[in-house]
Full PDB file with SEQRES, HELIX, SHEET, SSBOND, CRYST1, ORIGX, SCALE, CONECT and MASTER records, all heavy atoms in Angstrom:
SEQRES   1 A   38  GLY PHE ASP VAL HIS ASN PRO VAL PHE GLY ILE SER ALA          
SEQRES   2 A   38  GLY LEU ILE LEU LEU PHE LEU LEU ALA ALA ILE PHE LEU          
SEQRES   3 A   38  ASP PRO HIS GLU THR LYS THR ALA LEU ASP GLY ILE              
HELIX    1 AA1 VAL A    8  PHE A   25  1                                  18    
HELIX    2 AA2 PRO A   28  GLY A   37  1                                  10    
CRYST1    1.000    1.000    1.000  90.00  90.00  90.00 P 1           1          
ORIGX1      1.000000  0.000000  0.000000        0.00000                         
ORIGX2      0.000000  1.000000  0.000000        0.00000                         
ORIGX3      0.000000  0.000000  1.000000        0.00000                         
SCALE1      1.000000  0.000000  0.000000        0.00000                         
SCALE2      0.000000  1.000000  0.000000        0.00000                         
SCALE3      0.000000  0.000000  1.000000        0.00000                         
ATOM      1  N   GLY A   1      -1.810   0.238  24.147  1.00  0.00           N  
ATOM      2  CA  GLY A   1      -2.281  -1.141  24.204  1.00  0.00           C  
ATOM      3  C   GLY A   1      -1.660  -2.055  23.171  1.00  0.00           C  
ATOM      4  O   GLY A   1      -2.029  -3.224  23.061  1.00  0.00           O  
ATOM      5  N   PHE A   2      -0.701  -1.537  22.387  1.00  0.00           N  
ATOM      6  CA  PHE A   2      -0.018  -2.325  21.369  1.00  0.00           C  
ATOM      7  C   PHE A   2       1.368  -2.714  21.876  1.00  0.00           C  
ATOM      8  O   PHE A   2       1.921  -2.080  22.763  1.00  0.00           O  
ATOM      9  CB  PHE A   2       0.125  -1.525  20.071  1.00  0.00           C  
ATOM     10  CG  PHE A   2      -1.112  -1.464  19.225  1.00  0.00           C  
ATOM     11  CD1 PHE A   2      -2.370  -1.308  19.785  1.00  0.00           C  
ATOM     12  CD2 PHE A   2      -1.025  -1.559  17.840  1.00  0.00           C  
ATOM     13  CE1 PHE A   2      -3.496  -1.245  19.009  1.00  0.00           C  
ATOM     14  CE2 PHE A   2      -2.149  -1.501  17.043  1.00  0.00           C  
ATOM     15  CZ  PHE A   2      -3.392  -1.338  17.631  1.00  0.00           C  
ATOM     16  N   ASP A   3       1.928  -3.768  21.300  1.00  0.00           N  
ATOM     17  CA  ASP A   3       3.294  -4.203  21.592  1.00  0.00           C  
ATOM     18  C   ASP A   3       3.923  -4.556  20.246  1.00  0.00           C  
ATOM     19  O   ASP A   3       3.834  -5.684  19.780  1.00  0.00           O  
ATOM     20  CB  ASP A   3       3.262  -5.415  22.524  1.00  0.00           C  
ATOM     21  CG  ASP A   3       4.661  -5.859  22.956  1.00  0.00           C  
ATOM     22  OD1 ASP A   3       5.648  -5.265  22.466  1.00  0.00           O  
ATOM     23  OD2 ASP A   3       4.769  -6.804  23.761  1.00  0.00           O  
ATOM     24  N   VAL A   4       4.548  -3.571  19.591  1.00  0.00           N  
ATOM     25  CA  VAL A   4       4.920  -3.717  18.183  1.00  0.00           C  
ATOM     26  C   VAL A   4       6.418  -3.576  17.972  1.00  0.00           C  
ATOM     27  O   VAL A   4       7.115  -2.908  18.732  1.00  0.00           O  
ATOM     28  CB  VAL A   4       4.184  -2.675  17.298  1.00  0.00           C  
ATOM     29  CG1 VAL A   4       2.684  -2.894  17.383  1.00  0.00           C  
ATOM     30  CG2 VAL A   4       4.541  -1.255  17.699  1.00  0.00           C  
ATOM     31  N   HIS A   5       6.879  -4.253  16.926  1.00  0.00           N  
ATOM     32  CA  HIS A   5       8.297  -4.200  16.577  1.00  0.00           C  
ATOM     33  C   HIS A   5       8.607  -2.878  15.886  1.00  0.00           C  
ATOM     34  O   HIS A   5       7.885  -2.433  14.988  1.00  0.00           O  
ATOM     35  CB  HIS A   5       8.660  -5.351  15.646  1.00  0.00           C  
ATOM     36  CG  HIS A   5      10.112  -5.421  15.311  1.00  0.00           C  
ATOM     37  ND1 HIS A   5      10.698  -4.637  14.329  1.00  0.00           N  
ATOM     38  CD2 HIS A   5      11.115  -6.192  15.839  1.00  0.00           C  
ATOM     39  CE1 HIS A   5      11.989  -4.928  14.260  1.00  0.00           C  
ATOM     40  NE2 HIS A   5      12.260  -5.859  15.155  1.00  0.00           N  
ATOM     41  N   ASN A   6       9.672  -2.282  16.302  1.00  0.00           N  
ATOM     42  CA  ASN A   6      10.140  -1.045  15.671  1.00  0.00           C  
ATOM     43  C   ASN A   6      11.363  -1.387  14.816  1.00  0.00           C  
ATOM     44  O   ASN A   6      12.332  -1.924  15.348  1.00  0.00           O  
ATOM     45  CB  ASN A   6      10.532  -0.026  16.761  1.00  0.00           C  
ATOM     46  CG  ASN A   6      11.070   1.261  16.188  1.00  0.00           C  
ATOM     47  OD1 ASN A   6      10.560   1.746  15.185  1.00  0.00           O  
ATOM     48  ND2 ASN A   6      12.094   1.819  16.815  1.00  0.00           N  
ATOM     49  N   PRO A   7      11.304  -1.171  13.479  1.00  0.00           N  
ATOM     50  CA  PRO A   7      10.340  -0.376  12.723  1.00  0.00           C  
ATOM     51  C   PRO A   7       9.381  -1.193  11.843  1.00  0.00           C  
ATOM     52  O   PRO A   7       8.729  -0.612  10.977  1.00  0.00           O  
ATOM     53  CB  PRO A   7      11.261   0.449  11.836  1.00  0.00           C  
ATOM     54  CG  PRO A   7      12.369  -0.517  11.493  1.00  0.00           C  
ATOM     55  CD  PRO A   7      12.540  -1.420  12.695  1.00  0.00           C  
ATOM     56  N   VAL A   8       9.298  -2.517  12.001  1.00  0.00           N  
ATOM     57  CA  VAL A   8       8.510  -3.339  11.076  1.00  0.00           C  
ATOM     58  C   VAL A   8       7.047  -2.909  11.061  1.00  0.00           C  
ATOM     59  O   VAL A   8       6.440  -2.750   9.996  1.00  0.00           O  
ATOM     60  CB  VAL A   8       8.637  -4.832  11.430  1.00  0.00           C  
ATOM     61  CG1 VAL A   8       7.656  -5.670  10.609  1.00  0.00           C  
ATOM     62  CG2 VAL A   8      10.055  -5.318  11.183  1.00  0.00           C  
ATOM     63  N   PHE A   9       6.461  -2.710  12.253  1.00  0.00           N  
ATOM     64  CA  PHE A   9       5.049  -2.339  12.306  1.00  0.00           C  
ATOM     65  C   PHE A   9       4.806  -0.996  11.620  1.00  0.00           C  
ATOM     66  O   PHE A   9       3.913  -0.862  10.780  1.00  0.00           O  
ATOM     67  CB  PHE A   9       4.573  -2.271  13.760  1.00  0.00           C  
ATOM     68  CG  PHE A   9       3.119  -1.890  13.904  1.00  0.00           C  
ATOM     69  CD1 PHE A   9       2.137  -2.867  13.961  1.00  0.00           C  
ATOM     70  CD2 PHE A   9       2.734  -0.555  13.986  1.00  0.00           C  
ATOM     71  CE1 PHE A   9       0.793  -2.522  14.088  1.00  0.00           C  
ATOM     72  CE2 PHE A   9       1.406  -0.194  14.109  1.00  0.00           C  
ATOM     73  CZ  PHE A   9       0.427  -1.185  14.158  1.00  0.00           C  
ATOM     74  N   GLY A  10       5.604   0.014  11.973  1.00  0.00           N  
ATOM     75  CA  GLY A  10       5.387   1.360  11.438  1.00  0.00           C  
ATOM     76  C   GLY A  10       5.541   1.431   9.925  1.00  0.00           C  
ATOM     77  O   GLY A  10       4.704   2.029   9.233  1.00  0.00           O  
ATOM     78  N   ILE A  11       6.587   0.823   9.401  1.00  0.00           N  
ATOM     79  CA  ILE A  11       6.813   0.874   7.955  1.00  0.00           C  
ATOM     80  C   ILE A  11       5.737   0.081   7.220  1.00  0.00           C  
ATOM     81  O   ILE A  11       5.223   0.530   6.186  1.00  0.00           O  
ATOM     82  CB  ILE A  11       8.224   0.349   7.607  1.00  0.00           C  
ATOM     83  CG1 ILE A  11       9.281   1.294   8.170  1.00  0.00           C  
ATOM     84  CG2 ILE A  11       8.385   0.192   6.093  1.00  0.00           C  
ATOM     85  CD1 ILE A  11      10.710   0.835   7.953  1.00  0.00           C  
ATOM     86  N   SER A  12       5.377  -1.086   7.744  1.00  0.00           N  
ATOM     87  CA  SER A  12       4.333  -1.897   7.101  1.00  0.00           C  
ATOM     88  C   SER A  12       3.014  -1.135   7.060  1.00  0.00           C  
ATOM     89  O   SER A  12       2.352  -1.063   6.013  1.00  0.00           O  
ATOM     90  CB  SER A  12       4.141  -3.216   7.864  1.00  0.00           C  
ATOM     91  OG  SER A  12       5.313  -3.990   7.847  1.00  0.00           O  
ATOM     92  N   ALA A  13       2.624  -0.564   8.198  1.00  0.00           N  
ATOM     93  CA  ALA A  13       1.361   0.192   8.249  1.00  0.00           C  
ATOM     94  C   ALA A  13       1.414   1.397   7.316  1.00  0.00           C  
ATOM     95  O   ALA A  13       0.425   1.712   6.635  1.00  0.00           O  
ATOM     96  CB  ALA A  13       1.077   0.632   9.687  1.00  0.00           C  
ATOM     97  N   GLY A  14       2.573   2.086   7.259  1.00  0.00           N  
ATOM     98  CA  GLY A  14       2.709   3.245   6.374  1.00  0.00           C  
ATOM     99  C   GLY A  14       2.590   2.874   4.905  1.00  0.00           C  
ATOM    100  O   GLY A  14       1.923   3.566   4.125  1.00  0.00           O  
ATOM    101  N   LEU A  15       3.239   1.773   4.516  1.00  0.00           N  
ATOM    102  CA  LEU A  15       3.162   1.333   3.116  1.00  0.00           C  
ATOM    103  C   LEU A  15       1.746   0.892   2.752  1.00  0.00           C  
ATOM    104  O   LEU A  15       1.283   1.124   1.630  1.00  0.00           O  
ATOM    105  CB  LEU A  15       4.148   0.181   2.881  1.00  0.00           C  
ATOM    106  CG  LEU A  15       5.628   0.570   2.903  1.00  0.00           C  
ATOM    107  CD1 LEU A  15       6.517  -0.667   2.828  1.00  0.00           C  
ATOM    108  CD2 LEU A  15       5.958   1.516   1.751  1.00  0.00           C  
ATOM    109  N   ILE A  16       1.043   0.283   3.691  1.00  0.00           N  
ATOM    110  CA  ILE A  16      -0.342  -0.119   3.441  1.00  0.00           C  
ATOM    111  C   ILE A  16      -1.219   1.117   3.242  1.00  0.00           C  
ATOM    112  O   ILE A  16      -2.077   1.163   2.349  1.00  0.00           O  
ATOM    113  CB  ILE A  16      -0.866  -0.984   4.602  1.00  0.00           C  
ATOM    114  CG1 ILE A  16      -0.154  -2.343   4.591  1.00  0.00           C  
ATOM    115  CG2 ILE A  16      -2.382  -1.178   4.513  1.00  0.00           C  
ATOM    116  CD1 ILE A  16      -0.301  -3.116   5.882  1.00  0.00           C  
ATOM    117  N   LEU A  17      -1.002   2.150   4.059  1.00  0.00           N  
ATOM    118  CA  LEU A  17      -1.756   3.403   3.912  1.00  0.00           C  
ATOM    119  C   LEU A  17      -1.480   4.047   2.559  1.00  0.00           C  
ATOM    120  O   LEU A  17      -2.403   4.509   1.872  1.00  0.00           O  
ATOM    121  CB  LEU A  17      -1.380   4.369   5.043  1.00  0.00           C  
ATOM    122  CG  LEU A  17      -2.060   5.744   5.001  1.00  0.00           C  
ATOM    123  CD1 LEU A  17      -3.580   5.602   5.101  1.00  0.00           C  
ATOM    124  CD2 LEU A  17      -1.535   6.627   6.135  1.00  0.00           C  
ATOM    125  N   LEU A  18      -0.194   4.063   2.148  1.00  0.00           N  
ATOM    126  CA  LEU A  18       0.149   4.615   0.829  1.00  0.00           C  
ATOM    127  C   LEU A  18      -0.537   3.840  -0.287  1.00  0.00           C  
ATOM    128  O   LEU A  18      -1.017   4.419  -1.266  1.00  0.00           O  
ATOM    129  CB  LEU A  18       1.668   4.573   0.631  1.00  0.00           C  
ATOM    130  CG  LEU A  18       2.485   5.622   1.379  1.00  0.00           C  
ATOM    131  CD1 LEU A  18       3.982   5.376   1.158  1.00  0.00           C  
ATOM    132  CD2 LEU A  18       2.112   7.035   0.901  1.00  0.00           C  
ATOM    133  N   PHE A  19      -0.594   2.528  -0.133  1.00  0.00           N  
ATOM    134  CA  PHE A  19      -1.260   1.702  -1.140  1.00  0.00           C  
ATOM    135  C   PHE A  19      -2.736   2.053  -1.235  1.00  0.00           C  
ATOM    136  O   PHE A  19      -3.292   2.168  -2.334  1.00  0.00           O  
ATOM    137  CB  PHE A  19      -1.098   0.223  -0.798  1.00  0.00           C  
ATOM    138  CG  PHE A  19      -1.905  -0.673  -1.697  1.00  0.00           C  
ATOM    139  CD1 PHE A  19      -1.430  -1.034  -2.945  1.00  0.00           C  
ATOM    140  CD2 PHE A  19      -3.157  -1.117  -1.313  1.00  0.00           C  
ATOM    141  CE1 PHE A  19      -2.177  -1.830  -3.792  1.00  0.00           C  
ATOM    142  CE2 PHE A  19      -3.916  -1.919  -2.143  1.00  0.00           C  
ATOM    143  CZ  PHE A  19      -3.422  -2.284  -3.390  1.00  0.00           C  
ATOM    144  N   LEU A  20      -3.399   2.224  -0.094  1.00  0.00           N  
ATOM    145  CA  LEU A  20      -4.820   2.564  -0.111  1.00  0.00           C  
ATOM    146  C   LEU A  20      -5.057   3.916  -0.773  1.00  0.00           C  
ATOM    147  O   LEU A  20      -6.012   4.090  -1.539  1.00  0.00           O  
ATOM    148  CB  LEU A  20      -5.369   2.574   1.315  1.00  0.00           C  
ATOM    149  CG  LEU A  20      -5.621   1.201   1.941  1.00  0.00           C  
ATOM    150  CD1 LEU A  20      -6.009   1.339   3.401  1.00  0.00           C  
ATOM    151  CD2 LEU A  20      -6.715   0.466   1.182  1.00  0.00           C  
ATOM    152  N   LEU A  21      -4.192   4.880  -0.487  1.00  0.00           N  
ATOM    153  CA  LEU A  21      -4.322   6.194  -1.128  1.00  0.00           C  
ATOM    154  C   LEU A  21      -4.121   6.086  -2.635  1.00  0.00           C  
ATOM    155  O   LEU A  21      -4.842   6.705  -3.421  1.00  0.00           O  
ATOM    156  CB  LEU A  21      -3.295   7.171  -0.531  1.00  0.00           C  
ATOM    157  CG  LEU A  21      -3.537   7.589   0.924  1.00  0.00           C  
ATOM    158  CD1 LEU A  21      -2.372   8.417   1.448  1.00  0.00           C  
ATOM    159  CD2 LEU A  21      -4.845   8.379   1.038  1.00  0.00           C  
ATOM    160  N   ALA A  22      -3.147   5.273  -3.040  1.00  0.00           N  
ATOM    161  CA  ALA A  22      -2.918   5.071  -4.477  1.00  0.00           C  
ATOM    162  C   ALA A  22      -4.132   4.406  -5.123  1.00  0.00           C  
ATOM    163  O   ALA A  22      -4.531   4.749  -6.241  1.00  0.00           O  
ATOM    164  CB  ALA A  22      -1.670   4.208  -4.677  1.00  0.00           C  
ATOM    165  N   ALA A  23      -4.736   3.446  -4.420  1.00  0.00           N  
ATOM    166  CA  ALA A  23      -5.909   2.758  -4.962  1.00  0.00           C  
ATOM    167  C   ALA A  23      -7.067   3.712  -5.167  1.00  0.00           C  
ATOM    168  O   ALA A  23      -7.865   3.572  -6.099  1.00  0.00           O  
ATOM    169  CB  ALA A  23      -6.324   1.624  -4.018  1.00  0.00           C  
ATOM    170  N   ILE A  24      -7.165   4.717  -4.282  1.00  0.00           N  
ATOM    171  CA  ILE A  24      -8.267   5.686  -4.382  1.00  0.00           C  
ATOM    172  C   ILE A  24      -8.056   6.643  -5.550  1.00  0.00           C  
ATOM    173  O   ILE A  24      -8.987   6.961  -6.301  1.00  0.00           O  
ATOM    174  CB  ILE A  24      -8.398   6.471  -3.060  1.00  0.00           C  
ATOM    175  CG1 ILE A  24      -8.872   5.532  -1.947  1.00  0.00           C  
ATOM    176  CG2 ILE A  24      -9.358   7.646  -3.214  1.00  0.00           C  
ATOM    177  CD1 ILE A  24      -8.825   6.143  -0.562  1.00  0.00           C  
ATOM    178  N   PHE A  25      -6.802   7.080  -5.747  1.00  0.00           N  
ATOM    179  CA  PHE A  25      -6.553   8.142  -6.708  1.00  0.00           C  
ATOM    180  C   PHE A  25      -6.106   7.652  -8.091  1.00  0.00           C  
ATOM    181  O   PHE A  25      -6.200   8.393  -9.073  1.00  0.00           O  
ATOM    182  CB  PHE A  25      -5.522   9.130  -6.150  1.00  0.00           C  
ATOM    183  CG  PHE A  25      -6.019   9.904  -4.966  1.00  0.00           C  
ATOM    184  CD1 PHE A  25      -5.549   9.646  -3.695  1.00  0.00           C  
ATOM    185  CD2 PHE A  25      -7.005  10.885  -5.123  1.00  0.00           C  
ATOM    186  CE1 PHE A  25      -6.012  10.352  -2.600  1.00  0.00           C  
ATOM    187  CE2 PHE A  25      -7.477  11.603  -4.039  1.00  0.00           C  
ATOM    188  CZ  PHE A  25      -6.984  11.332  -2.763  1.00  0.00           C  
ATOM    189  N   LEU A  26      -5.600   6.412  -8.186  1.00  0.00           N  
ATOM    190  CA  LEU A  26      -5.158   5.907  -9.485  1.00  0.00           C  
ATOM    191  C   LEU A  26      -6.295   5.183 -10.193  1.00  0.00           C  
ATOM    192  O   LEU A  26      -7.167   4.600  -9.551  1.00  0.00           O  
ATOM    193  CB  LEU A  26      -3.965   4.959  -9.311  1.00  0.00           C  
ATOM    194  CG  LEU A  26      -2.668   5.584  -8.780  1.00  0.00           C  
ATOM    195  CD1 LEU A  26      -1.602   4.498  -8.602  1.00  0.00           C  
ATOM    196  CD2 LEU A  26      -2.169   6.683  -9.700  1.00  0.00           C  
ATOM    197  N   ASP A  27      -6.267   5.216 -11.511  1.00  0.00           N  
ATOM    198  CA  ASP A  27      -7.285   4.522 -12.295  1.00  0.00           C  
ATOM    199  C   ASP A  27      -7.086   3.012 -12.164  1.00  0.00           C  
ATOM    200  O   ASP A  27      -6.019   2.491 -12.500  1.00  0.00           O  
ATOM    201  CB  ASP A  27      -7.174   4.927 -13.766  1.00  0.00           C  
ATOM    202  CG  ASP A  27      -8.208   4.215 -14.620  1.00  0.00           C  
ATOM    203  OD1 ASP A  27      -9.364   4.664 -14.646  1.00  0.00           O  
ATOM    204  OD2 ASP A  27      -7.861   3.193 -15.236  1.00  0.00           O  
ATOM    205  N   PRO A  28      -8.111   2.275 -11.670  1.00  0.00           N  
ATOM    206  CA  PRO A  28      -7.931   0.842 -11.431  1.00  0.00           C  
ATOM    207  C   PRO A  28      -7.637   0.051 -12.706  1.00  0.00           C  
ATOM    208  O   PRO A  28      -6.882  -0.920 -12.675  1.00  0.00           O  
ATOM    209  CB  PRO A  28      -9.255   0.409 -10.796  1.00  0.00           C  
ATOM    210  CG  PRO A  28     -10.228   1.480 -11.120  1.00  0.00           C  
ATOM    211  CD  PRO A  28      -9.428   2.741 -11.235  1.00  0.00           C  
ATOM    212  N   HIS A  29      -8.210   0.475 -13.830  1.00  0.00           N  
ATOM    213  CA  HIS A  29      -7.967  -0.249 -15.083  1.00  0.00           C  
ATOM    214  C   HIS A  29      -6.512  -0.103 -15.517  1.00  0.00           C  
ATOM    215  O   HIS A  29      -5.859  -1.086 -15.897  1.00  0.00           O  
ATOM    216  CB  HIS A  29      -8.904   0.261 -16.174  1.00  0.00           C  
ATOM    217  CG  HIS A  29      -8.659  -0.383 -17.511  1.00  0.00           C  
ATOM    218  ND1 HIS A  29      -9.005  -1.697 -17.769  1.00  0.00           N  
ATOM    219  CD2 HIS A  29      -8.072   0.092 -18.648  1.00  0.00           C  
ATOM    220  CE1 HIS A  29      -8.653  -1.993 -19.017  1.00  0.00           C  
ATOM    221  NE2 HIS A  29      -8.092  -0.932 -19.567  1.00  0.00           N  
ATOM    222  N   GLU A  30      -6.003   1.123 -15.445  1.00  0.00           N  
ATOM    223  CA  GLU A  30      -4.615   1.354 -15.837  1.00  0.00           C  
ATOM    224  C   GLU A  30      -3.648   0.649 -14.880  1.00  0.00           C  
ATOM    225  O   GLU A  30      -2.637   0.087 -15.301  1.00  0.00           O  
ATOM    226  CB  GLU A  30      -4.326   2.857 -15.868  1.00  0.00           C  
ATOM    227  CG  GLU A  30      -5.045   3.598 -17.006  1.00  0.00           C  
ATOM    228  CD  GLU A  30      -4.690   5.074 -17.025  1.00  0.00           C  
ATOM    229  OE1 GLU A  30      -3.880   5.504 -16.170  1.00  0.00           O  
ATOM    230  OE2 GLU A  30      -5.227   5.792 -17.895  1.00  0.00           O  
ATOM    231  N   THR A  31      -3.986   0.680 -13.587  1.00  0.00           N  
ATOM    232  CA  THR A  31      -3.140   0.009 -12.604  1.00  0.00           C  
ATOM    233  C   THR A  31      -3.103  -1.486 -12.855  1.00  0.00           C  
ATOM    234  O   THR A  31      -2.041  -2.114 -12.819  1.00  0.00           O  
ATOM    235  CB  THR A  31      -3.660   0.286 -11.181  1.00  0.00           C  
ATOM    236  OG1 THR A  31      -3.727   1.698 -10.966  1.00  0.00           O  
ATOM    237  CG2 THR A  31      -2.743  -0.354 -10.142  1.00  0.00           C  
ATOM    238  N   LYS A  32      -4.290  -2.070 -13.100  1.00  0.00           N  
ATOM    239  CA  LYS A  32      -4.365  -3.504 -13.371  1.00  0.00           C  
ATOM    240  C   LYS A  32      -3.569  -3.847 -14.624  1.00  0.00           C  
ATOM    241  O   LYS A  32      -2.835  -4.844 -14.653  1.00  0.00           O  
ATOM    242  CB  LYS A  32      -5.819  -3.941 -13.544  1.00  0.00           C  
ATOM    243  CG  LYS A  32      -5.973  -5.420 -13.910  1.00  0.00           C  
ATOM    244  CD  LYS A  32      -7.434  -5.786 -14.101  1.00  0.00           C  
ATOM    245  CE  LYS A  32      -7.583  -7.253 -14.521  1.00  0.00           C  
ATOM    246  NZ  LYS A  32      -6.954  -7.543 -15.820  1.00  0.00           N  
ATOM    247  N   THR A  33      -3.702  -3.040 -15.670  1.00  0.00           N  
ATOM    248  CA  THR A  33      -2.977  -3.304 -16.908  1.00  0.00           C  
ATOM    249  C   THR A  33      -1.469  -3.289 -16.677  1.00  0.00           C  
ATOM    250  O   THR A  33      -0.737  -4.162 -17.158  1.00  0.00           O  
ATOM    251  CB  THR A  33      -3.353  -2.255 -17.976  1.00  0.00           C  
ATOM    252  OG1 THR A  33      -4.770  -2.302 -18.208  1.00  0.00           O  
ATOM    253  CG2 THR A  33      -2.620  -2.517 -19.272  1.00  0.00           C  
ATOM    254  N   ALA A  34      -0.999  -2.281 -15.930  1.00  0.00           N  
ATOM    255  CA  ALA A  34       0.439  -2.161 -15.664  1.00  0.00           C  
ATOM    256  C   ALA A  34       0.953  -3.335 -14.833  1.00  0.00           C  
ATOM    257  O   ALA A  34       1.982  -3.943 -15.160  1.00  0.00           O  
ATOM    258  CB  ALA A  34       0.721  -0.844 -14.951  1.00  0.00           C  
ATOM    259  N   LEU A  35       0.223  -3.668 -13.757  1.00  0.00           N  
ATOM    260  CA  LEU A  35       0.666  -4.767 -12.889  1.00  0.00           C  
ATOM    261  C   LEU A  35       0.535  -6.115 -13.580  1.00  0.00           C  
ATOM    262  O   LEU A  35       1.359  -7.012 -13.372  1.00  0.00           O  
ATOM    263  CB  LEU A  35      -0.129  -4.752 -11.586  1.00  0.00           C  
ATOM    264  CG  LEU A  35       0.187  -3.597 -10.629  1.00  0.00           C  
ATOM    265  CD1 LEU A  35      -0.751  -3.608  -9.439  1.00  0.00           C  
ATOM    266  CD2 LEU A  35       1.637  -3.663 -10.161  1.00  0.00           C  
ATOM    267  N   ASP A  36      -0.492  -6.274 -14.418  1.00  0.00           N  
ATOM    268  CA  ASP A  36      -0.620  -7.507 -15.193  1.00  0.00           C  
ATOM    269  C   ASP A  36       0.574  -7.674 -16.133  1.00  0.00           C  
ATOM    270  O   ASP A  36       1.077  -8.784 -16.332  1.00  0.00           O  
ATOM    271  CB  ASP A  36      -1.923  -7.500 -16.010  1.00  0.00           C  
ATOM    272  CG  ASP A  36      -3.066  -8.184 -15.273  1.00  0.00           C  
ATOM    273  OD1 ASP A  36      -2.786  -8.898 -14.295  1.00  0.00           O  
ATOM    274  OD2 ASP A  36      -4.220  -7.999 -15.670  1.00  0.00           O  
ATOM    275  N   GLY A  37       1.010  -6.556 -16.716  1.00  0.00           N  
ATOM    276  CA  GLY A  37       2.172  -6.606 -17.603  1.00  0.00           C  
ATOM    277  C   GLY A  37       3.417  -7.079 -16.874  1.00  0.00           C  
ATOM    278  O   GLY A  37       4.174  -7.924 -17.384  1.00  0.00           O  
ATOM    279  N   ILE A  38       3.617  -6.550 -15.662  1.00  0.00           N  
ATOM    280  CA  ILE A  38       4.765  -6.975 -14.849  1.00  0.00           C  
ATOM    281  C   ILE A  38       4.648  -8.450 -14.504  1.00  0.00           C  
ATOM    282  O   ILE A  38       5.608  -9.223 -14.612  1.00  0.00           O  
ATOM    283  CB  ILE A  38       4.858  -6.123 -13.568  1.00  0.00           C  
ATOM    284  CG1 ILE A  38       5.145  -4.657 -13.927  1.00  0.00           C  
ATOM    285  CG2 ILE A  38       5.932  -6.668 -12.632  1.00  0.00           C  
ATOM    286  CD1 ILE A  38       5.052  -3.707 -12.752  1.00  0.00           C  
TER     287      ILE A  38                                                      
MASTER        0    0    0    2    0    0    0    6  286    1    0    3          
END                                                                             
């Protein structure tokens, strides 16, 4: 039922999933500190 661009949809969805996994397993304070520094 989808009509998606290959590979934009797949890579975007995959990177979003990786981000969510990182958010679950990484310490949010340390992540915020590092990204704030950048």
